[in-house]
Amino acid sequence: MTPTGKIEAALNQLRQAISGLENAVEMRIEHQREQGEIEGEVRRIHADRSKLAQELDQAEFRANRLEEVNREVSRRLVTAMETIRAVLDR
């Protein structure tokens, strides 16, 4: 092989190596971008989960309170009905 041929072969190898390096860098940048997007989505999901858990706790509290009020109203209605029956029976 002539010296010019050796230089051309070396340049071709260098071009291929640079191209491979550029591809690797692009892939790394893309991976980091995707990783950042995934991490952001995970943070949003955790925030949504926390908000939903808090809303669920509030809804359960309200439901329990409504049950208590419902029992009290039922008790008062029974008492009122018994009082009315007693008055009517006289």
Protein backbone atom coordinates (compact mmCIF):
# COMPACT_ATOMS: atom_id res chain seq x y z
CA MET A 1 0.00 0.00 0.00
CA THR A 2 1.25 3.43 -0.90
CA PRO A 3 1.70 6.15 1.71
CA THR A 4 -1.27 8.02 0.22
CA GLY A 5 -3.41 4.87 0.46
CA LYS A 6 -2.38 4.37 4.09
CA ILE A 7 -3.29 7.99 4.88
CA GLU A 8 -6.67 7.59 3.15
CA ALA A 9 -7.34 4.35 5.06
CA ALA A 10 -6.40 6.04 8.33
CA LEU A 11 -8.63 9.02 7.50
CA ASN A 12 -11.53 6.68 6.72
CA GLN A 13 -11.04 4.93 10.06
CA LEU A 14 -10.87 8.30 11.79
CA ARG A 15 -14.09 9.41 10.05
CA GLN A 16 -15.83 6.20 11.11
CA ALA A 17 -14.61 6.62 14.68
CA ILE A 18 -15.81 10.25 14.77
CA SER A 19 -19.16 9.22 13.28
CA GLY A 20 -19.52 6.49 15.90
CA LEU A 21 -18.61 8.95 18.64
CA GLU A 22 -21.17 11.47 17.34
CA ASN A 23 -23.84 8.75 17.28
CA ALA A 24 -22.96 7.72 20.85
CA VAL A 25 -23.14 11.35 22.03
CA GLU A 26 -26.51 11.85 20.32
CA MET A 27 -27.85 8.66 21.87
CA ARG A 28 -26.60 9.74 25.30
CA ILE A 29 -28.24 13.16 24.97
CA GLU A 30 -31.51 11.55 23.86
CA HIS A 31 -31.34 9.09 26.77
CA GLN A 32 -30.77 11.91 29.26
CA ARG A 33 -33.67 13.89 27.78
CA GLU A 34 -35.96 10.86 28.00
CA GLN A 35 -34.77 10.18 31.55
CA GLY A 36 -35.56 13.77 32.51
CA GLU A 37 -39.03 13.47 31.00
CA ILE A 38 -39.63 10.19 32.84
CA GLU A 39 -38.48 11.69 36.14
CA GLY A 40 -40.77 14.66 35.59
CA GLU A 41 -43.71 12.37 34.87
CA VAL A 42 -42.97 10.33 37.99
CA ARG A 43 -42.94 13.54 40.08
CA ARG A 44 -46.28 14.57 38.55
CA ILE A 45 -47.76 11.14 39.28
CA HIS A 46 -46.59 11.30 42.89
CA ALA A 47 -48.08 14.79 43.28
CA ASP A 48 -51.38 13.59 41.76
CA ARG A 49 -51.37 10.56 44.04
CA SER A 50 -50.82 12.72 47.11
CA LYS A 51 -53.62 15.06 46.06
CA LEU A 52 -55.98 12.15 45.41
CA ALA A 53 -55.10 10.55 48.75
CA GLN A 54 -55.86 13.81 50.52
CA GLU A 55 -59.16 14.19 48.67
CA LEU A 56 -60.06 10.59 49.55
CA ASP A 57 -59.33 11.22 53.22
CA GLN A 58 -61.55 14.31 53.13
CA ALA A 59 -64.33 12.41 51.36
CA GLU A 60 -64.14 9.58 53.91
CA PHE A 61 -64.32 12.11 56.74
CA ARG A 62 -67.39 13.75 55.19
CA ALA A 63 -69.03 10.35 54.61
CA ASN A 64 -68.43 9.36 58.25
CA ARG A 65 -69.81 12.68 59.44
CA LEU A 66 -72.90 12.24 57.23
CA GLU A 67 -73.44 8.78 58.70
CA GLU A 68 -73.29 10.21 62.21
CA VAL A 69 -75.74 12.99 61.32
CA ASN A 70 -78.02 10.46 59.59
CA ARG A 71 -78.09 8.27 62.72
CA GLU A 72 -78.88 11.30 64.89
CA VAL A 73 -81.70 12.40 62.57
CA SER A 74 -83.11 8.87 62.55
CA ARG A 75 -82.97 8.75 66.35
CA ARG A 76 -84.77 12.09 66.61
CA LEU A 77 -87.43 11.01 64.09
CA VAL A 78 -88.11 7.84 66.08
CA THR A 79 -88.39 9.89 69.26
CA ALA A 80 -90.75 12.36 67.55
CA MET A 81 -92.91 9.54 66.17
CA GLU A 82 -93.13 7.90 69.58
CA THR A 83 -94.10 11.23 71.15
CA ILE A 84 -96.81 11.77 68.52
CA ARG A 85 -98.18 8.22 69.08
CA ALA A 86 -98.24 8.78 72.83
CA VAL A 87 -100.14 12.05 72.38
CA LEU A 88 -102.63 10.42 69.97
CA ASP A 89 -103.18 7.44 72.27
CA ARG A 90 -104.34 9.68 75.14
